[in-house]
C-alpha cells in the first residue's frame, strides 16, 4: 500500500535525499576508516564492506584483514564529520530493536 504525502513533503524528501547523495559522492576517502564510512553509506551492509575490503587486500593497523568487529568499531567510533554522524545514528537505529530482544 502506498502512503500518500503532500507535494511539499515530497519536495522536502527529494531535497534531503539529494543532499545525502551529494554528501556521499563528495566524501573524501583518505584512510581505511573513511573508506568504511563511505562504503557503509553506499551499501548499508557490513558483509559487503568486509567482502570488498578482503578482496582489495585492505588490512587494519594491526595487520589483520578487515573484520566485522573492526567495521562496527569504526562506525560506532567518535564521529569526525557529518557523514560519519549520519551513518552512526542510522546504524544505531538499525540495531536498536535487536538489542532490546530478550536473551534466551
N, C-alpha and C. Protein backbone atom coordinates (compact mmCIF):
# COMPACT_ATOMS: atom_id res chain seq x y z
N UNK A 1 0.84 -1.17 0.00
CA UNK A 1 0.00 0.00 0.00
C UNK A 1 0.89 1.25 0.00
N UNK A 2 0.54 2.21 -0.80
CA UNK A 2 1.30 3.44 -0.92
C UNK A 2 0.76 4.48 0.06
N UNK A 3 1.67 5.10 0.77
CA UNK A 3 1.28 6.15 1.70
C UNK A 3 1.30 7.47 0.95
N UNK A 4 0.19 8.17 0.93
CA UNK A 4 0.12 9.45 0.23
C UNK A 4 0.77 10.54 1.07
N UNK A 5 1.46 11.45 0.37
CA UNK A 5 2.07 12.59 1.04
C UNK A 5 1.77 13.84 0.23
N UNK A 6 2.00 14.97 0.83
CA UNK A 6 1.78 16.22 0.13
C UNK A 6 2.95 16.51 -0.80
N UNK A 7 2.73 17.40 -1.75
CA UNK A 7 3.78 17.79 -2.67
C UNK A 7 4.93 18.45 -1.89
N UNK A 8 4.59 19.27 -0.91
CA UNK A 8 5.62 19.93 -0.11
C UNK A 8 6.50 18.91 0.61
N UNK A 9 5.89 17.90 1.21
CA UNK A 9 6.66 16.85 1.90
C UNK A 9 7.52 16.09 0.91
N UNK A 10 6.99 15.81 -0.28
CA UNK A 10 7.75 15.11 -1.30
C UNK A 10 8.97 15.94 -1.73
N UNK A 11 8.77 17.23 -1.91
CA UNK A 11 9.88 18.11 -2.29
C UNK A 11 10.94 18.16 -1.20
N UNK A 12 10.52 18.19 0.06
CA UNK A 12 11.46 18.18 1.18
C UNK A 12 12.25 16.88 1.21
N UNK A 13 11.57 15.77 0.94
CA UNK A 13 12.24 14.47 0.93
C UNK A 13 13.25 14.39 -0.22
N UNK A 14 12.87 14.91 -1.38
CA UNK A 14 13.79 14.93 -2.52
C UNK A 14 15.02 15.75 -2.17
N UNK A 15 14.84 16.89 -1.55
CA UNK A 15 15.96 17.75 -1.16
C UNK A 15 16.86 17.04 -0.16
N UNK A 16 16.25 16.40 0.83
CA UNK A 16 17.02 15.67 1.85
C UNK A 16 17.82 14.54 1.23
N UNK A 17 17.21 13.79 0.35
CA UNK A 17 17.90 12.68 -0.31
C UNK A 17 19.02 13.17 -1.22
N UNK A 18 18.78 14.26 -1.95
CA UNK A 18 19.81 14.79 -2.83
C UNK A 18 21.01 15.30 -2.03
N UNK A 19 20.75 15.91 -0.89
CA UNK A 19 21.84 16.36 -0.02
C UNK A 19 22.67 15.17 0.46
N UNK A 20 22.00 14.07 0.79
CA UNK A 20 22.70 12.86 1.23
C UNK A 20 23.55 12.29 0.10
N UNK A 21 22.98 12.21 -1.09
CA UNK A 21 23.72 11.71 -2.24
C UNK A 21 24.95 12.57 -2.51
N UNK A 22 24.78 13.88 -2.48
CA UNK A 22 25.90 14.80 -2.71
C UNK A 22 26.98 14.62 -1.64
N UNK A 23 26.55 14.46 -0.39
CA UNK A 23 27.49 14.28 0.71
C UNK A 23 28.31 13.00 0.51
N UNK A 24 27.65 11.91 0.16
CA UNK A 24 28.35 10.63 -0.04
C UNK A 24 29.27 10.71 -1.25
N UNK A 25 28.80 11.26 -2.35
CA UNK A 25 29.60 11.33 -3.56
C UNK A 25 30.83 12.23 -3.41
N UNK A 26 30.73 13.26 -2.59
CA UNK A 26 31.86 14.17 -2.42
C UNK A 26 32.75 13.80 -1.24
N UNK A 27 32.42 12.72 -0.54
CA UNK A 27 33.16 12.31 0.65
C UNK A 27 34.58 11.90 0.27
N UNK A 28 35.55 12.49 0.92
CA UNK A 28 36.95 12.21 0.62
C UNK A 28 37.44 11.00 1.40
N UNK A 29 37.93 10.01 0.69
CA UNK A 29 38.46 8.79 1.30
C UNK A 29 39.98 8.91 1.36
N UNK A 30 40.51 8.97 2.58
CA UNK A 30 41.96 9.09 2.74
C UNK A 30 42.52 8.12 3.78
N UNK A 31 41.68 7.20 4.22
CA UNK A 31 42.12 6.19 5.18
C UNK A 31 41.17 5.00 5.12
N UNK A 32 41.54 3.93 5.78
CA UNK A 32 40.66 2.76 5.84
C UNK A 32 39.35 3.11 6.53
N UNK A 33 39.43 3.88 7.59
CA UNK A 33 38.23 4.25 8.33
C UNK A 33 37.27 5.07 7.47
N UNK A 34 37.79 6.04 6.73
CA UNK A 34 36.92 6.85 5.87
C UNK A 34 36.36 6.01 4.72
N UNK A 35 37.14 5.04 4.25
CA UNK A 35 36.63 4.12 3.22
C UNK A 35 35.46 3.31 3.76
N UNK A 36 35.58 2.84 5.00
CA UNK A 36 34.50 2.08 5.63
C UNK A 36 33.24 2.93 5.76
N UNK A 37 33.39 4.18 6.19
CA UNK A 37 32.24 5.08 6.34
C UNK A 37 31.54 5.27 4.99
N UNK A 38 32.31 5.54 3.95
CA UNK A 38 31.71 5.76 2.64
C UNK A 38 31.06 4.49 2.10
N UNK A 39 31.71 3.36 2.27
CA UNK A 39 31.13 2.09 1.80
C UNK A 39 29.85 1.76 2.55
N UNK A 40 29.82 2.03 3.85
CA UNK A 40 28.59 1.76 4.61
C UNK A 40 27.47 2.68 4.16
N UNK A 41 27.82 3.93 3.85
CA UNK A 41 26.82 4.87 3.34
C UNK A 41 26.28 4.41 1.98
N UNK A 42 27.15 3.77 1.21
CA UNK A 42 26.77 3.32 -0.13
C UNK A 42 26.01 2.00 -0.10
N UNK A 43 26.47 1.05 0.69
CA UNK A 43 25.89 -0.30 0.66
C UNK A 43 24.96 -0.61 1.83
N UNK A 44 25.19 0.04 2.98
CA UNK A 44 24.44 -0.25 4.20
C UNK A 44 24.60 -1.71 4.61
N UNK A 45 25.77 -2.28 4.28
CA UNK A 45 26.00 -3.70 4.55
C UNK A 45 27.43 -3.94 5.03
N UNK A 46 27.55 -4.44 6.24
CA UNK A 46 28.87 -4.77 6.76
C UNK A 46 29.47 -5.95 5.99
N UNK A 47 28.62 -6.89 5.62
CA UNK A 47 29.07 -8.05 4.87
C UNK A 47 29.74 -7.62 3.56
N UNK A 48 29.14 -6.66 2.86
CA UNK A 48 29.71 -6.15 1.61
C UNK A 48 31.03 -5.43 1.85
N UNK A 49 31.10 -4.66 2.93
CA UNK A 49 32.34 -3.95 3.25
C UNK A 49 33.46 -4.95 3.50
N UNK A 50 33.18 -5.97 4.28
CA UNK A 50 34.20 -6.98 4.60
C UNK A 50 34.62 -7.72 3.33
N UNK A 51 33.66 -8.07 2.49
CA UNK A 51 33.96 -8.77 1.25
C UNK A 51 34.84 -7.91 0.33
N UNK A 52 34.46 -6.64 0.14
CA UNK A 52 35.24 -5.73 -0.72
C UNK A 52 36.61 -5.46 -0.12
N UNK A 53 36.67 -5.25 1.19
CA UNK A 53 37.94 -4.99 1.85
C UNK A 53 38.89 -6.16 1.76
N UNK A 54 38.37 -7.36 1.92
CA UNK A 54 39.18 -8.57 1.82
C UNK A 54 39.67 -8.76 0.39
N UNK A 55 38.78 -8.57 -0.58
CA UNK A 55 39.14 -8.73 -1.99
C UNK A 55 40.22 -7.72 -2.40
N UNK A 56 40.17 -6.53 -1.82
CA UNK A 56 41.14 -5.48 -2.16
C UNK A 56 42.42 -5.60 -1.33
N UNK A 57 42.46 -6.55 -0.39
CA UNK A 57 43.64 -6.74 0.44
C UNK A 57 43.84 -5.67 1.50
N UNK A 58 42.74 -5.03 1.91
CA UNK A 58 42.84 -3.98 2.93
C UNK A 58 43.07 -4.63 4.29
N UNK A 59 43.96 -4.00 5.06
CA UNK A 59 44.28 -4.54 6.38
C UNK A 59 44.15 -3.45 7.44
N UNK A 60 43.85 -3.88 8.65
CA UNK A 60 43.77 -2.98 9.79
C UNK A 60 45.18 -2.58 10.21
N UNK A 61 45.27 -1.66 11.15
CA UNK A 61 46.57 -1.21 11.63
C UNK A 61 47.37 -2.33 12.27
N UNK A 62 46.68 -3.32 12.81
CA UNK A 62 47.39 -4.44 13.46
C UNK A 62 47.80 -5.52 12.47
N UNK A 63 47.56 -5.29 11.17
CA UNK A 63 47.96 -6.25 10.14
C UNK A 63 46.92 -7.30 9.82
N UNK A 64 45.81 -7.31 10.54
CA UNK A 64 44.73 -8.27 10.31
C UNK A 64 43.83 -7.77 9.18
N UNK A 65 43.17 -8.69 8.48
CA UNK A 65 42.20 -8.25 7.47
C UNK A 65 40.99 -7.57 8.13
N UNK A 66 40.28 -6.79 7.36
CA UNK A 66 39.09 -6.11 7.86
C UNK A 66 38.06 -7.15 8.29
N UNK A 67 37.54 -7.00 9.52
CA UNK A 67 36.54 -7.93 10.01
C UNK A 67 35.34 -7.17 10.59
N UNK A 68 34.31 -7.92 10.97
CA UNK A 68 33.07 -7.33 11.45
C UNK A 68 33.29 -6.42 12.66
N UNK A 69 34.05 -6.87 13.62
CA UNK A 69 34.24 -6.07 14.84
C UNK A 69 34.96 -4.76 14.54
N UNK A 70 35.89 -4.79 13.59
CA UNK A 70 36.59 -3.55 13.23
C UNK A 70 35.63 -2.57 12.55
N UNK A 71 34.81 -3.07 11.64
CA UNK A 71 33.85 -2.20 10.94
C UNK A 71 32.89 -1.58 11.96
N UNK A 72 32.39 -2.38 12.89
CA UNK A 72 31.50 -1.86 13.93
C UNK A 72 32.21 -0.80 14.77
N UNK A 73 33.46 -1.04 15.13
CA UNK A 73 34.19 -0.07 15.95
C UNK A 73 34.40 1.24 15.21
N UNK A 74 34.60 1.18 13.90
CA UNK A 74 34.76 2.42 13.11
C UNK A 74 33.44 3.17 13.07
N UNK A 75 32.36 2.47 12.77
CA UNK A 75 31.05 3.12 12.67
C UNK A 75 30.63 3.70 14.01
N UNK A 76 30.86 2.97 15.10
CA UNK A 76 30.47 3.46 16.43
C UNK A 76 31.50 4.38 17.06
N UNK A 77 32.62 4.58 16.41
CA UNK A 77 33.66 5.44 16.95
C UNK A 77 33.25 6.91 16.95
N UNK A 78 34.11 7.74 17.48
CA UNK A 78 33.84 9.17 17.54
C UNK A 78 33.67 9.72 16.12
N UNK A 79 32.50 10.31 15.88
CA UNK A 79 32.19 10.84 14.54
C UNK A 79 33.01 12.10 14.28
N UNK A 80 33.74 12.07 13.17
CA UNK A 80 34.62 13.19 12.85
C UNK A 80 34.04 14.12 11.80
N UNK A 81 32.91 13.74 11.20
CA UNK A 81 32.32 14.58 10.15
C UNK A 81 30.83 14.28 10.04
N UNK A 82 30.16 15.02 9.17
CA UNK A 82 28.71 14.91 9.03
C UNK A 82 28.26 13.53 8.55
N UNK A 83 28.94 12.99 7.55
CA UNK A 83 28.55 11.67 7.04
C UNK A 83 28.70 10.60 8.12
N UNK A 84 29.80 10.66 8.85
CA UNK A 84 30.01 9.68 9.92
C UNK A 84 28.91 9.79 10.96
N UNK A 85 28.52 11.01 11.33
CA UNK A 85 27.43 11.20 12.30
C UNK A 85 26.13 10.58 11.79
N UNK A 86 25.82 10.80 10.51
CA UNK A 86 24.59 10.23 9.93
C UNK A 86 24.63 8.71 9.92
N UNK A 87 25.79 8.16 9.51
CA UNK A 87 25.94 6.71 9.44
C UNK A 87 25.84 6.10 10.84
N UNK A 88 26.49 6.72 11.79
CA UNK A 88 26.48 6.20 13.16
C UNK A 88 25.06 6.21 13.73
N UNK A 89 24.33 7.30 13.56
CA UNK A 89 22.96 7.36 14.11
C UNK A 89 22.05 6.38 13.38
N UNK A 90 22.21 6.24 12.07
CA UNK A 90 21.41 5.28 11.31
C UNK A 90 21.70 3.84 11.72
N UNK A 91 22.98 3.54 11.93
CA UNK A 91 23.38 2.20 12.36
C UNK A 91 22.79 1.88 13.73
N UNK A 92 22.86 2.84 14.63
CA UNK A 92 22.33 2.60 15.98
C UNK A 92 20.81 2.40 15.97
N UNK A 93 20.12 3.15 15.12
CA UNK A 93 18.67 2.95 14.99
C UNK A 93 18.37 1.57 14.43
N UNK A 94 19.21 1.14 13.50
CA UNK A 94 19.01 -0.15 12.84
C UNK A 94 19.20 -1.32 13.82
N UNK A 95 20.19 -1.22 14.71
CA UNK A 95 20.47 -2.33 15.62
C UNK A 95 19.68 -2.25 16.92
N UNK A 96 19.05 -1.13 17.18
CA UNK A 96 18.33 -0.93 18.43
C UNK A 96 17.31 -2.02 18.73
N UNK A 97 16.45 -2.41 17.78
CA UNK A 97 15.47 -3.47 18.10
C UNK A 97 16.12 -4.79 18.52
N UNK A 98 17.21 -5.14 17.89
CA UNK A 98 17.85 -6.42 18.25
C UNK A 98 18.51 -6.36 19.61
N UNK A 99 18.87 -5.18 20.06
CA UNK A 99 19.48 -5.05 21.39
C UNK A 99 18.43 -5.19 22.48
N UNK A 100 17.18 -4.90 22.17
CA UNK A 100 16.11 -4.98 23.17
C UNK A 100 15.50 -6.38 23.26
N UNK A 101 15.85 -7.22 22.30
CA UNK A 101 15.29 -8.57 22.29
C UNK A 101 15.74 -9.33 23.55
N UNK A 102 14.82 -10.08 24.17
CA UNK A 102 15.20 -10.82 25.38
C UNK A 102 16.20 -11.91 25.05
N UNK A 103 17.15 -12.09 25.95
CA UNK A 103 18.17 -13.14 25.77
C UNK A 103 17.59 -14.48 26.16
N UNK A 104 17.95 -15.49 25.39
CA UNK A 104 17.44 -16.83 25.67
C UNK A 104 18.44 -17.63 26.46
